[in-house]
Amino acid sequence: MQLNTNGGPSSVVGSLGTSIGNNGMAYDCSTDTLYGADAQQNRIFTVDPNTGIASNFKSTTVPFASVGLEFDHSTGMLFAATGSQLWTIDPSTGASSLIGSFGGVLVDDLAFYPTCP
């Protein structure tokens, strides 16, 4: 799907070539990079916004079953909410760290609203 970041219509541009299942995607506004999470193999990847093709797959230790994915351009890290846990992911390596539990609350969506530099 091609996104119009100015609030206009979107259009289909091609298949990712992988399954994101119930996972979200994240956008780095500072580098115009779109990230996704592979629901079947616990990997992150980038998406070419012009073709829709997924590439640059990086393995993680995050259990992607249903996840909210978001990018924080101030730290350069991805954040993933996996229902009961919050993780950070380095998008350049896939290295991931568990931040902690949500204490019994289920969270599978995240959103940052940073001002893009």
PDB file of N, CA and C in Angstrom:
ATOM      1  N   MET A   1       0.831  -1.158   0.000  1.00  0.00           N
ATOM      2  CA  MET A   1       0.000   0.000   0.000  1.00  0.00           C
ATOM      3  C   MET A   1       0.884   1.231   0.000  1.00  0.00           C
ATOM      4  N   GLN A   2       0.615   2.137  -0.855  1.00  0.00           N
ATOM      5  CA  GLN A   2       1.333   3.403  -0.891  1.00  0.00           C
ATOM      6  C   GLN A   2       0.564   4.386  -0.020  1.00  0.00           C
ATOM      7  N   LEU A   3       1.254   5.008   0.915  1.00  0.00           N
ATOM      8  CA  LEU A   3       0.614   5.919   1.846  1.00  0.00           C
ATOM      9  C   LEU A   3       0.819   7.359   1.410  1.00  0.00           C
ATOM     10  N   ASN A   4      -0.206   8.139   1.549  1.00  0.00           N
ATOM     11  CA  ASN A   4      -0.097   9.565   1.321  1.00  0.00           C
ATOM     12  C   ASN A   4       0.029  10.199   2.700  1.00  0.00           C
ATOM     13  N   THR A   5       1.223  10.649   3.069  1.00  0.00           N
ATOM     14  CA  THR A   5       1.462  11.166   4.414  1.00  0.00           C
ATOM     15  C   THR A   5       0.842  12.540   4.633  1.00  0.00           C
ATOM     16  N   ASN A   6       0.250  13.124   3.608  1.00  0.00           N
ATOM     17  CA  ASN A   6      -0.435  14.408   3.750  1.00  0.00           C
ATOM     18  C   ASN A   6      -1.935  14.239   3.954  1.00  0.00           C
ATOM     19  N   GLY A   7      -2.370  13.012   4.263  1.00  0.00           N
ATOM     20  CA  GLY A   7      -3.770  12.778   4.570  1.00  0.00           C
ATOM     21  C   GLY A   7      -4.639  12.421   3.386  1.00  0.00           C
ATOM     22  N   GLY A   8      -4.039  12.199   2.250  1.00  0.00           N
ATOM     23  CA  GLY A   8      -4.809  11.844   1.062  1.00  0.00           C
ATOM     24  C   GLY A   8      -5.048  10.358   0.978  1.00  0.00           C
ATOM     25  N   PRO A   9      -5.561   9.896  -0.163  1.00  0.00           N
ATOM     26  CA  PRO A   9      -5.871   8.469  -0.328  1.00  0.00           C
ATOM     27  C   PRO A   9      -4.609   7.611  -0.428  1.00  0.00           C
ATOM     28  N   SER A  10      -4.780   6.338  -0.128  1.00  0.00           N
ATOM     29  CA  SER A  10      -3.712   5.353  -0.255  1.00  0.00           C
ATOM     30  C   SER A  10      -4.020   4.467  -1.452  1.00  0.00           C
ATOM     31  N   SER A  11      -2.990   3.778  -1.951  1.00  0.00           N
ATOM     32  CA  SER A  11      -3.198   2.861  -3.064  1.00  0.00           C
ATOM     33  C   SER A  11      -2.287   1.654  -2.906  1.00  0.00           C
ATOM     34  N   VAL A  12      -2.706   0.521  -3.422  1.00  0.00           N
ATOM     35  CA  VAL A  12      -1.919  -0.702  -3.368  1.00  0.00           C
ATOM     36  C   VAL A  12      -0.772  -0.590  -4.362  1.00  0.00           C
ATOM     37  N   VAL A  13       0.472  -0.886  -3.898  1.00  0.00           N
ATOM     38  CA  VAL A  13       1.625  -0.821  -4.791  1.00  0.00           C
ATOM     39  C   VAL A  13       2.266  -2.184  -5.017  1.00  0.00           C
ATOM     40  N   GLY A  14       1.952  -3.200  -4.204  1.00  0.00           N
ATOM     41  CA  GLY A  14       2.519  -4.524  -4.410  1.00  0.00           C
ATOM     42  C   GLY A  14       2.466  -5.358  -3.152  1.00  0.00           C
ATOM     43  N   SER A  15       2.817  -6.616  -3.301  1.00  0.00           N
ATOM     44  CA  SER A  15       2.811  -7.562  -2.196  1.00  0.00           C
ATOM     45  C   SER A  15       4.096  -7.460  -1.391  1.00  0.00           C
ATOM     46  N   LEU A  16       4.004  -7.600  -0.071  1.00  0.00           N
ATOM     47  CA  LEU A  16       5.192  -7.623   0.785  1.00  0.00           C
ATOM     48  C   LEU A  16       6.065  -8.836   0.496  1.00  0.00           C
ATOM     49  N   GLY A  17       5.430  -9.947   0.160  1.00  0.00           N
ATOM     50  CA  GLY A  17       6.184 -11.181  -0.045  1.00  0.00           C
ATOM     51  C   GLY A  17       6.421 -11.935   1.253  1.00  0.00           C
ATOM     52  N   THR A  18       5.821 -11.474   2.351  1.00  0.00           N
ATOM     53  CA  THR A  18       5.920 -12.139   3.649  1.00  0.00           C
ATOM     54  C   THR A  18       4.657 -11.819   4.430  1.00  0.00           C
ATOM     55  N   SER A  19       4.395 -12.587   5.479  1.00  0.00           N
ATOM     56  CA  SER A  19       3.192 -12.377   6.280  1.00  0.00           C
ATOM     57  C   SER A  19       3.496 -11.510   7.494  1.00  0.00           C
ATOM     58  N   ILE A  20       2.677 -10.482   7.696  1.00  0.00           N
ATOM     59  CA  ILE A  20       2.801  -9.729   8.944  1.00  0.00           C
ATOM     60  C   ILE A  20       1.756 -10.182   9.948  1.00  0.00           C
ATOM     61  N   GLY A  21       0.873 -11.093   9.553  1.00  0.00           N
ATOM     62  CA  GLY A  21      -0.133 -11.621  10.475  1.00  0.00           C
ATOM     63  C   GLY A  21      -0.928 -10.498  11.116  1.00  0.00           C
ATOM     64  N   ASN A  22      -0.972 -10.483  12.442  1.00  0.00           N
ATOM     65  CA  ASN A  22      -1.687  -9.454  13.191  1.00  0.00           C
ATOM     66  C   ASN A  22      -0.751  -8.356  13.683  1.00  0.00           C
ATOM     67  N   ASN A  23       0.377  -8.192  13.033  1.00  0.00           N
ATOM     68  CA  ASN A  23       1.374  -7.227  13.469  1.00  0.00           C
ATOM     69  C   ASN A  23       1.209  -5.890  12.769  1.00  0.00           C
ATOM     70  N   GLY A  24       1.620  -4.846  13.470  1.00  0.00           N
ATOM     71  CA  GLY A  24       1.578  -3.515  12.916  1.00  0.00           C
ATOM     72  C   GLY A  24       2.853  -3.189  12.163  1.00  0.00           C
ATOM     73  N   MET A  25       2.885  -1.981  11.649  1.00  0.00           N
ATOM     74  CA  MET A  25       4.067  -1.484  10.969  1.00  0.00           C
ATOM     75  C   MET A  25       4.446  -0.163  11.611  1.00  0.00           C
ATOM     76  N   ALA A  26       5.697   0.267  11.394  1.00  0.00           N
ATOM     77  CA  ALA A  26       6.199   1.496  11.983  1.00  0.00           C
ATOM     78  C   ALA A  26       6.870   2.340  10.912  1.00  0.00           C
ATOM     79  N   TYR A  27       6.833   3.649  11.089  1.00  0.00           N
ATOM     80  CA  TYR A  27       7.392   4.574  10.109  1.00  0.00           C
ATOM     81  C   TYR A  27       8.405   5.488  10.779  1.00  0.00           C
ATOM     82  N   ASP A  28       9.615   5.556  10.204  1.00  0.00           N
ATOM     83  CA  ASP A  28      10.647   6.484  10.646  1.00  0.00           C
ATOM     84  C   ASP A  28      10.573   7.695   9.735  1.00  0.00           C
ATOM     85  N   CYS A  29       9.988   8.772  10.231  1.00  0.00           N
ATOM     86  CA  CYS A  29       9.778   9.968   9.414  1.00  0.00           C
ATOM     87  C   CYS A  29      11.088  10.690   9.102  1.00  0.00           C
ATOM     88  N   SER A  30      12.126  10.472   9.905  1.00  0.00           N
ATOM     89  CA  SER A  30      13.390  11.172   9.660  1.00  0.00           C
ATOM     90  C   SER A  30      14.182  10.580   8.494  1.00  0.00           C
ATOM     91  N   THR A  31      13.964   9.293   8.186  1.00  0.00           N
ATOM     92  CA  THR A  31      14.669   8.664   7.059  1.00  0.00           C
ATOM     93  C   THR A  31      13.706   8.115   6.000  1.00  0.00           C
ATOM     94  N   ASP A  32      12.387   8.334   6.201  1.00  0.00           N
ATOM     95  CA  ASP A  32      11.364   7.836   5.290  1.00  0.00           C
ATOM     96  C   ASP A  32      11.456   6.319   5.134  1.00  0.00           C
ATOM     97  N   THR A  33      11.612   5.626   6.271  1.00  0.00           N
ATOM     98  CA  THR A  33      11.741   4.169   6.283  1.00  0.00           C
ATOM     99  C   THR A  33      10.509   3.553   6.935  1.00  0.00           C
ATOM    100  N   LEU A  34       9.949   2.548   6.280  1.00  0.00           N
ATOM    101  CA  LEU A  34       8.805   1.806   6.790  1.00  0.00           C
ATOM    102  C   LEU A  34       9.293   0.451   7.280  1.00  0.00           C
ATOM    103  N   TYR A  35       8.925   0.074   8.513  1.00  0.00           N
ATOM    104  CA  TYR A  35       9.332  -1.191   9.112  1.00  0.00           C
ATOM    105  C   TYR A  35       8.123  -2.093   9.319  1.00  0.00           C
ATOM    106  N   GLY A  36       8.356  -3.396   9.237  1.00  0.00           N
ATOM    107  CA  GLY A  36       7.321  -4.380   9.513  1.00  0.00           C
ATOM    108  C   GLY A  36       7.878  -5.487  10.379  1.00  0.00           C
ATOM    109  N   ALA A  37       6.977  -6.325  10.895  1.00  0.00           N
ATOM    110  CA  ALA A  37       7.350  -7.467  11.725  1.00  0.00           C
ATOM    111  C   ALA A  37       6.803  -8.738  11.089  1.00  0.00           C
ATOM    112  N   ASP A  38       7.664  -9.716  10.872  1.00  0.00           N
ATOM    113  CA  ASP A  38       7.311 -11.000  10.278  1.00  0.00           C
ATOM    114  C   ASP A  38       6.701 -11.885  11.358  1.00  0.00           C
ATOM    115  N   ALA A  39       5.418 -12.164  11.253  1.00  0.00           N
ATOM    116  CA  ALA A  39       4.691 -12.911  12.271  1.00  0.00           C
ATOM    117  C   ALA A  39       5.107 -14.378  12.356  1.00  0.00           C
ATOM    118  N   GLN A  40       5.673 -14.923  11.306  1.00  0.00           N
ATOM    119  CA  GLN A  40       5.981 -16.345  11.294  1.00  0.00           C
ATOM    120  C   GLN A  40       7.399 -16.669  11.754  1.00  0.00           C
ATOM    121  N   GLN A  41       8.346 -15.733  11.555  1.00  0.00           N
ATOM    122  CA  GLN A  41       9.740 -16.044  11.878  1.00  0.00           C
ATOM    123  C   GLN A  41      10.389 -15.059  12.846  1.00  0.00           C
ATOM    124  N   ASN A  42       9.581 -14.207  13.508  1.00  0.00           N
ATOM    125  CA  ASN A  42      10.087 -13.261  14.510  1.00  0.00           C
ATOM    126  C   ASN A  42      11.219 -12.394  13.971  1.00  0.00           C
ATOM    127  N   ARG A  43      10.971 -11.800  12.799  1.00  0.00           N
ATOM    128  CA  ARG A  43      11.958 -10.917  12.174  1.00  0.00           C
ATOM    129  C   ARG A  43      11.341  -9.540  11.936  1.00  0.00           C
ATOM    130  N   ILE A  44      12.201  -8.538  11.850  1.00  0.00           N
ATOM    131  CA  ILE A  44      11.777  -7.229  11.382  1.00  0.00           C
ATOM    132  C   ILE A  44      12.318  -7.053   9.971  1.00  0.00           C
ATOM    133  N   PHE A  45      11.747  -6.108   9.248  1.00  0.00           N
ATOM    134  CA  PHE A  45      12.189  -5.859   7.873  1.00  0.00           C
ATOM    135  C   PHE A  45      11.823  -4.435   7.491  1.00  0.00           C
ATOM    136  N   THR A  46      12.394  -3.970   6.388  1.00  0.00           N
ATOM    137  CA  THR A  46      12.009  -2.685   5.826  1.00  0.00           C
ATOM    138  C   THR A  46      11.134  -2.927   4.602  1.00  0.00           C
ATOM    139  N   VAL A  47      10.344  -1.924   4.262  1.00  0.00           N
ATOM    140  CA  VAL A  47       9.439  -2.019   3.125  1.00  0.00           C
ATOM    141  C   VAL A  47       9.716  -0.852   2.185  1.00  0.00           C
ATOM    142  N   ASP A  48       9.895  -1.170   0.916  1.00  0.00           N
ATOM    143  CA  ASP A  48      10.048  -0.121  -0.093  1.00  0.00           C
ATOM    144  C   ASP A  48       8.668   0.497  -0.329  1.00  0.00           C
ATOM    145  N   PRO A  49       8.486   1.772  -0.001  1.00  0.00           N
ATOM    146  CA  PRO A  49       7.154   2.369  -0.139  1.00  0.00           C
ATOM    147  C   PRO A  49       6.683   2.508  -1.587  1.00  0.00           C
ATOM    148  N   ASN A  50       7.579   2.374  -2.545  1.00  0.00           N
ATOM    149  CA  ASN A  50       7.196   2.493  -3.950  1.00  0.00           C
ATOM    150  C   ASN A  50       6.771   1.176  -4.568  1.00  0.00           C
ATOM    151  N   THR A  51       7.332   0.058  -4.066  1.00  0.00           N
ATOM    152  CA  THR A  51       7.009  -1.249  -4.637  1.00  0.00           C
ATOM    153  C   THR A  51       6.247  -2.150  -3.673  1.00  0.00           C
ATOM    154  N   GLY A  52       6.332  -1.865  -2.362  1.00  0.00           N
ATOM    155  CA  GLY A  52       5.705  -2.719  -1.359  1.00  0.00           C
ATOM    156  C   GLY A  52       6.535  -3.927  -1.000  1.00  0.00           C
ATOM    157  N   ILE A  53       7.728  -4.076  -1.558  1.00  0.00           N
ATOM    158  CA  ILE A  53       8.557  -5.265  -1.333  1.00  0.00           C
ATOM    159  C   ILE A  53       9.312  -5.155  -0.008  1.00  0.00           C
ATOM    160  N   ALA A  54       9.237  -6.224   0.778  1.00  0.00           N
ATOM    161  CA  ALA A  54       9.952  -6.321   2.049  1.00  0.00           C
ATOM    162  C   ALA A  54      11.379  -6.805   1.813  1.00  0.00           C
ATOM    163  N   SER A  55      12.339  -6.231   2.553  1.00  0.00           N
ATOM    164  CA  SER A  55      13.736  -6.641   2.442  1.00  0.00           C
ATOM    165  C   SER A  55      14.450  -6.318   3.753  1.00  0.00           C
ATOM    166  N   ASN A  56      15.747  -6.554   3.785  1.00  0.00           N
ATOM    167  CA  ASN A  56      16.577  -6.267   4.971  1.00  0.00           C
ATOM    168  C   ASN A  56      16.048  -6.957   6.227  1.00  0.00           C
ATOM    169  N   PHE A  57      15.757  -8.244   6.122  1.00  0.00           N
ATOM    170  CA  PHE A  57      15.225  -9.007   7.256  1.00  0.00           C
ATOM    171  C   PHE A  57      16.285  -9.169   8.340  1.00  0.00           C
ATOM    172  N   LYS A  58      15.876  -8.927   9.590  1.00  0.00           N
ATOM    173  CA  LYS A  58      16.750  -9.098  10.753  1.00  0.00           C
ATOM    174  C   LYS A  58      16.014  -9.946  11.777  1.00  0.00           C
ATOM    175  N   SER A  59      16.660 -11.031  12.235  1.00  0.00           N
ATOM    176  CA  SER A  59      16.066 -11.888  13.266  1.00  0.00           C
ATOM    177  C   SER A  59      16.065 -11.185  14.606  1.00  0.00           C
ATOM    178  N   THR A  60      15.019 -11.442  15.399  1.00  0.00           N
ATOM    179  CA  THR A  60      14.905 -10.888  16.741  1.00  0.00           C
ATOM    180  C   THR A  60      14.563 -12.003  17.718  1.00  0.00           C
ATOM    181  N   THR A  61      14.560 -11.675  18.999  1.00  0.00           N
ATOM    182  CA  THR A  61      14.083 -12.618  20.019  1.00  0.00           C
ATOM    183  C   THR A  61      12.680 -12.239  20.486  1.00  0.00           C
ATOM    184  N   VAL A  62      12.058 -11.292  19.804  1.00  0.00           N
ATOM    185  CA  VAL A  62      10.713 -10.846  20.164  1.00  0.00           C
ATOM    186  C   VAL A  62       9.695 -11.863  19.664  1.00  0.00           C
ATOM    187  N   PRO A  63       8.789 -12.321  20.533  1.00  0.00           N
ATOM    188  CA  PRO A  63       7.758 -13.273  20.103  1.00  0.00           C
ATOM    189  C   PRO A  63       6.607 -12.573  19.382  1.00  0.00           C
ATOM    190  N   PHE A  64       6.767 -12.374  18.071  1.00  0.00           N
ATOM    191  CA  PHE A  64       5.737 -11.699  17.280  1.00  0.00           C
ATOM    192  C   PHE A  64       4.572 -12.649  17.044  1.00  0.00           C
ATOM    193  N   ALA A  65       3.483 -12.448  17.739  1.00  0.00           N
ATOM    194  CA  ALA A  65       2.242 -13.170  17.468  1.00  0.00           C
ATOM    195  C   ALA A  65       1.192 -12.123  17.091  1.00  0.00           C
ATOM    196  N   SER A  66       1.036 -11.146  17.942  1.00  0.00           N
ATOM    197  CA  SER A  66       0.214  -9.979  17.673  1.00  0.00           C
ATOM    198  C   SER A  66       0.963  -8.825  18.319  1.00  0.00           C
ATOM    199  N   VAL A  67       1.466  -7.918  17.511  1.00  0.00           N
ATOM    200  CA  VAL A  67       2.358  -6.896  18.065  1.00  0.00           C
ATOM    201  C   VAL A  67       2.066  -5.521  17.480  1.00  0.00           C
ATOM    202  N   GLY A  68       2.168  -4.536  18.349  1.00  0.00           N
ATOM    203  CA  GLY A  68       2.180  -3.150  17.917  1.00  0.00           C
ATOM    204  C   GLY A  68       3.631  -2.755  17.752  1.00  0.00           C
ATOM    205  N   LEU A  69       3.978  -2.164  16.635  1.00  0.00           N
ATOM    206  CA  LEU A  69       5.357  -1.796  16.335  1.00  0.00           C
ATOM    207  C   LEU A  69       5.406  -0.294  16.122  1.00  0.00           C
ATOM    208  N   GLU A  70       6.401   0.359  16.723  1.00  0.00           N
ATOM    209  CA  GLU A  70       6.530   1.802  16.567  1.00  0.00           C
ATOM    210  C   GLU A  70       8.001   2.188  16.582  1.00  0.00           C
ATOM    211  N   PHE A  71       8.347   3.280  15.903  1.00  0.00           N
ATOM    212  CA  PHE A  71       9.727   3.746  15.816  1.00  0.00           C
ATOM    213  C   PHE A  71       9.868   5.053  16.585  1.00  0.00           C
ATOM    214  N   ASP A  72      10.933   5.154  17.374  1.00  0.00           N
ATOM    215  CA  ASP A  72      11.254   6.380  18.100  1.00  0.00           C
ATOM    216  C   ASP A  72      12.501   6.982  17.477  1.00  0.00           C
ATOM    217  N   HIS A  73      12.333   8.039  16.662  1.00  0.00           N
ATOM    218  CA  HIS A  73      13.493   8.585  15.954  1.00  0.00           C
ATOM    219  C   HIS A  73      14.478   9.270  16.896  1.00  0.00           C
ATOM    220  N   SER A  74      14.068   9.630  18.124  1.00  0.00           N
ATOM    221  CA  SER A  74      15.014  10.248  19.060  1.00  0.00           C
ATOM    222  C   SER A  74      16.040   9.237  19.573  1.00  0.00           C
ATOM    223  N   THR A  75      15.673   7.949  19.615  1.00  0.00           N
ATOM    224  CA  THR A  75      16.612   6.903  20.060  1.00  0.00           C
ATOM    225  C   THR A  75      17.059   6.011  18.912  1.00  0.00           C
ATOM    226  N   GLY A  76      16.322   6.028  17.793  1.00  0.00           N
ATOM    227  CA  GLY A  76      16.630   5.152  16.669  1.00  0.00           C
ATOM    228  C   GLY A  76      16.205   3.716  16.903  1.00  0.00           C
ATOM    229  N   MET A  77      15.350   3.490  17.884  1.00  0.00           N
ATOM    230  CA  MET A  77      14.921   2.134  18.232  1.00  0.00           C
ATOM    231  C   MET A  77      13.464   1.901  17.851  1.00  0.00           C
ATOM    232  N   LEU A  78      13.164   0.631  17.562  1.00  0.00           N
ATOM    233  CA  LEU A  78      11.788   0.194  17.418  1.00  0.00           C
ATOM    234  C   LEU A  78      11.291  -0.262  18.777  1.00  0.00           C
ATOM    235  N   PHE A  79      10.021  -0.054  19.053  1.00  0.00           N
ATOM    236  CA  PHE A  79       9.381  -0.579  20.247  1.00  0.00           C
ATOM    237  C   PHE A  79       8.314  -1.559  19.796  1.00  0.00           C
ATOM    238  N   ALA A  80       8.178  -2.668  20.500  1.00  0.00           N
ATOM    239  CA  ALA A  80       7.188  -3.681  20.165  1.00  0.00           C
ATOM    240  C   ALA A  80       6.402  -4.055  21.417  1.00  0.00           C
ATOM    241  N   ALA A  81       5.081  -3.953  21.333  1.00  0.00           N
ATOM    242  CA  ALA A  81       4.182  -4.399  22.391  1.00  0.00           C
ATOM    243  C   ALA A  81       3.619  -5.738  21.940  1.00  0.00           C
ATOM    244  N   THR A  82       3.911  -6.794  22.695  1.00  0.00           N
ATOM    245  CA  THR A  82       3.523  -8.147  22.287  1.00  0.00           C
ATOM    246  C   THR A  82       2.325  -8.686  23.057  1.00  0.00           C
ATOM    247  N   GLY A  83       1.496  -7.815  23.531  1.00  0.00           N
ATOM    248  CA  GLY A  83       0.355  -8.244  24.334  1.00  0.00           C
ATOM    249  C   GLY A  83       0.642  -8.020  25.800  1.00  0.00           C
ATOM    250  N   SER A  84       1.556  -8.811  26.356  1.00  0.00           N
ATOM    251  CA  SER A  84       1.861  -8.701  27.784  1.00  0.00           C
ATOM    252  C   SER A  84       3.212  -8.060  28.074  1.00  0.00           C
ATOM    253  N   GLN A  85       4.043  -7.831  27.042  1.00  0.00           N
ATOM    254  CA  GLN A  85       5.397  -7.321  27.261  1.00  0.00           C
ATOM    255  C   GLN A  85       5.755  -6.198  26.293  1.00  0.00           C
ATOM    256  N   LEU A  86       6.709  -5.352  26.736  1.00  0.00           N
ATOM    257  CA  LEU A  86       7.242  -4.290  25.896  1.00  0.00           C
ATOM    258  C   LEU A  86       8.715  -4.580  25.617  1.00  0.00           C
ATOM    259  N   TRP A  87       9.106  -4.498  24.340  1.00  0.00           N
ATOM    260  CA  TRP A  87      10.464  -4.793  23.886  1.00  0.00           C
ATOM    261  C   TRP A  87      11.034  -3.605  23.122  1.00  0.00           C
ATOM    262  N   THR A  88      12.373  -3.504  23.086  1.00  0.00           N
ATOM    263  CA  THR A  88      13.047  -2.600  22.159  1.00  0.00           C
ATOM    264  C   THR A  88      13.784  -3.458  21.138  1.00  0.00           C
ATOM    265  N   ILE A  89      13.911  -2.919  19.925  1.00  0.00           N
ATOM    266  CA  ILE A  89      14.595  -3.625  18.846  1.00  0.00           C
ATOM    267  C   ILE A  89      15.488  -2.630  18.125  1.00  0.00           C
ATOM    268  N   ASP A  90      16.751  -2.987  17.931  1.00  0.00           N
ATOM    269  CA  ASP A  90      17.658  -2.176  17.117  1.00  0.00           C
ATOM    270  C   ASP A  90      17.380  -2.529  15.661  1.00  0.00           C
ATOM    271  N   PRO A  91      16.847  -1.604  14.864  1.00  0.00           N
ATOM    272  CA  PRO A  91      16.478  -1.945  13.486  1.00  0.00           C
ATOM    273  C   PRO A  91      17.661  -2.271  12.587  1.00  0.00           C
ATOM    274  N   SER A  92      18.866  -1.873  12.957  1.00  0.00           N
ATOM    275  CA  SER A  92      20.019  -2.174  12.107  1.00  0.00           C
ATOM    276  C   SER A  92      20.566  -3.578  12.338  1.00  0.00           C
ATOM    277  N   THR A  93      20.304  -4.166  13.514  1.00  0.00           N
ATOM    278  CA  THR A  93      20.853  -5.493  13.825  1.00  0.00           C
ATOM    279  C   THR A  93      19.799  -6.524  14.196  1.00  0.00           C
ATOM    280  N   GLY A  94      18.634  -6.082  14.648  1.00  0.00           N
ATOM    281  CA  GLY A  94      17.612  -6.997  15.158  1.00  0.00           C
ATOM    282  C   GLY A  94      17.798  -7.313  16.632  1.00  0.00           C
ATOM    283  N   ALA A  95      18.888  -6.821  17.253  1.00  0.00           N
ATOM    284  CA  ALA A  95      19.105  -7.067  18.683  1.00  0.00           C
ATOM    285  C   ALA A  95      17.911  -6.533  19.462  1.00  0.00           C
ATOM    286  N   SER A  96      17.364  -7.360  20.335  1.00  0.00           N
ATOM    287  CA  SER A  96      16.162  -6.983  21.062  1.00  0.00           C
ATOM    288  C   SER A  96      16.332  -7.203  22.553  1.00  0.00           C
ATOM    289  N   SER A  97      15.635  -6.367  23.320  1.00  0.00           N
ATOM    290  CA  SER A  97      15.699  -6.440  24.781  1.00  0.00           C
ATOM    291  C   SER A  97      14.300  -6.292  25.346  1.00  0.00           C
ATOM    292  N   LEU A  98      13.994  -7.134  26.307  1.00  0.00           N
ATOM    293  CA  LEU A  98      12.726  -7.042  27.012  1.00  0.00           C
ATOM    294  C   LEU A  98      12.810  -5.894  28.009  1.00  0.00           C
ATOM    295  N   ILE A  99      11.910  -4.930  27.883  1.00  0.00           N
ATOM    296  CA  ILE A  99      11.845  -3.836  28.859  1.00  0.00           C
ATOM    297  C   ILE A  99      11.093  -4.290  30.093  1.00  0.00           C
ATOM    298  N   GLY A 100       9.963  -4.970  29.888  1.00  0.00           N
ATOM    299  CA  GLY A 100       9.198  -5.467  31.024  1.00  0.00           C
ATOM    300  C   GLY A 100       7.788  -5.836  30.647  1.00  0.00           C
ATOM    301  N   SER A 101       7.060  -6.235  31.670  1.00  0.00           N
ATOM    302  CA  SER A 101       5.679  -6.675  31.523  1.00  0.00           C
ATOM    303  C   SER A 101       4.729  -5.495  31.680  1.00  0.00           C
ATOM    304  N   PHE A 102       3.552  -5.614  31.085  1.00  0.00           N
ATOM    305  CA  PHE A 102       2.516  -4.611  31.249  1.00  0.00           C
ATOM    306  C   PHE A 102       1.673  -4.876  32.498  1.00  0.00           C
ATOM    307  N   GLY A 103       2.087  -5.835  33.326  1.00  0.00           N
ATOM    308  CA  GLY A 103       1.413  -6.092  34.599  1.00  0.00           C
ATOM    309  C   GLY A 103      -0.006  -6.605  34.472  1.00  0.00           C
ATOM    310  N   GLY A 104      -0.227  -7.531  33.566  1.00  0.00           N
ATOM    311  CA  GLY A 104      -1.535  -8.143  33.411  1.00  0.00           C
ATOM    312  C   GLY A 104      -2.434  -7.459  32.387  1.00  0.00           C
ATOM    313  N   VAL A 105      -2.039  -6.289  31.909  1.00  0.00           N
ATOM    314  CA  VAL A 105      -2.804  -5.586  30.882  1.00  0.00           C
ATOM    315  C   VAL A 105      -2.278  -6.032  29.517  1.00  0.00           C
ATOM    316  N   LEU A 106      -3.165  -6.277  28.562  1.00  0.00           N
ATOM    317  CA  LEU A 106      -2.749  -6.679  27.227  1.00  0.00           C
ATOM    318  C   LEU A 106      -2.684  -5.459  26.314  1.00  0.00           C
ATOM    319  N   VAL A 107      -1.499  -5.241  25.713  1.00  0.00           N
ATOM    320  CA  VAL A 107      -1.281  -4.108  24.817  1.00  0.00           C
ATOM    321  C   VAL A 107      -0.690  -4.641  23.520  1.00  0.00           C
ATOM    322  N   ASP A 108      -1.369  -4.405  22.405  1.00  0.00           N
ATOM    323  CA  ASP A 108      -0.820  -4.841  21.124  1.00  0.00           C
ATOM    324  C   ASP A 108      -0.855  -3.723  20.094  1.00  0.00           C
ATOM    325  N   ASP A 109      -0.852  -2.476  20.574  1.00  0.00           N
ATOM    326  CA  ASP A 109      -0.794  -1.340  19.679  1.00  0.00           C
ATOM    327  C   ASP A 109      -0.006  -0.240  20.371  1.00  0.00           C
ATOM    328  N   LEU A 110       0.820   0.456  19.610  1.00  0.00           N
ATOM    329  CA  LEU A 110       1.619   1.555  20.128  1.00  0.00           C
ATOM    330  C   LEU A 110       1.520   2.721  19.171  1.00  0.00           C
ATOM    331  N   ALA A 111       1.769   3.924  19.665  1.00  0.00           N
ATOM    332  CA  ALA A 111       1.809   5.094  18.790  1.00  0.00           C
ATOM    333  C   ALA A 111       2.709   6.167  19.409  1.00  0.00           C
ATOM    334  N   PHE A 112       3.604   6.711  18.599  1.00  0.00           N
ATOM    335  CA  PHE A 112       4.379   7.878  18.952  1.00  0.00           C
ATOM    336  C   PHE A 112       3.901   9.000  18.063  1.00  0.00           C
ATOM    337  N   TYR A 113       3.932  10.193  18.568  1.00  0.00           N
ATOM    338  CA  TYR A 113       3.595  11.348  17.758  1.00  0.00           C
ATOM    339  C   TYR A 113       4.713  12.377  17.844  1.00  0.00           C
ATOM    340  N   PRO A 114       5.926  11.963  17.479  1.00  0.00           N
ATOM    341  CA  PRO A 114       7.049  12.905  17.578  1.00  0.00           C
ATOM    342  C   PRO A 114       7.019  13.919  16.434  1.00  0.00           C
ATOM    343  N   THR A 115       7.623  15.047  16.682  1.00  0.00           N
ATOM    344  CA  THR A 115       7.846  16.009  15.605  1.00  0.00           C
ATOM    345  C   THR A 115       9.024  15.512  14.810  1.00  0.00           C
ATOM    346  N   CYS A 116       8.865  15.359  13.520  1.00  0.00           N
ATOM    347  CA  CYS A 116       9.939  14.832  12.701  1.00  0.00           C
ATOM    348  C   CYS A 116      10.965  15.939  12.424  1.00  0.00           C
ATOM    349  N   PRO A 117      12.267  15.606  12.606  1.00  0.00           N
ATOM    350  CA  PRO A 117      13.291  16.629  12.377  1.00  0.00           C
ATOM    351  C   PRO A 117      13.382  17.025  10.912  1.00  0.00           C
TER     352      PRO A 117
END
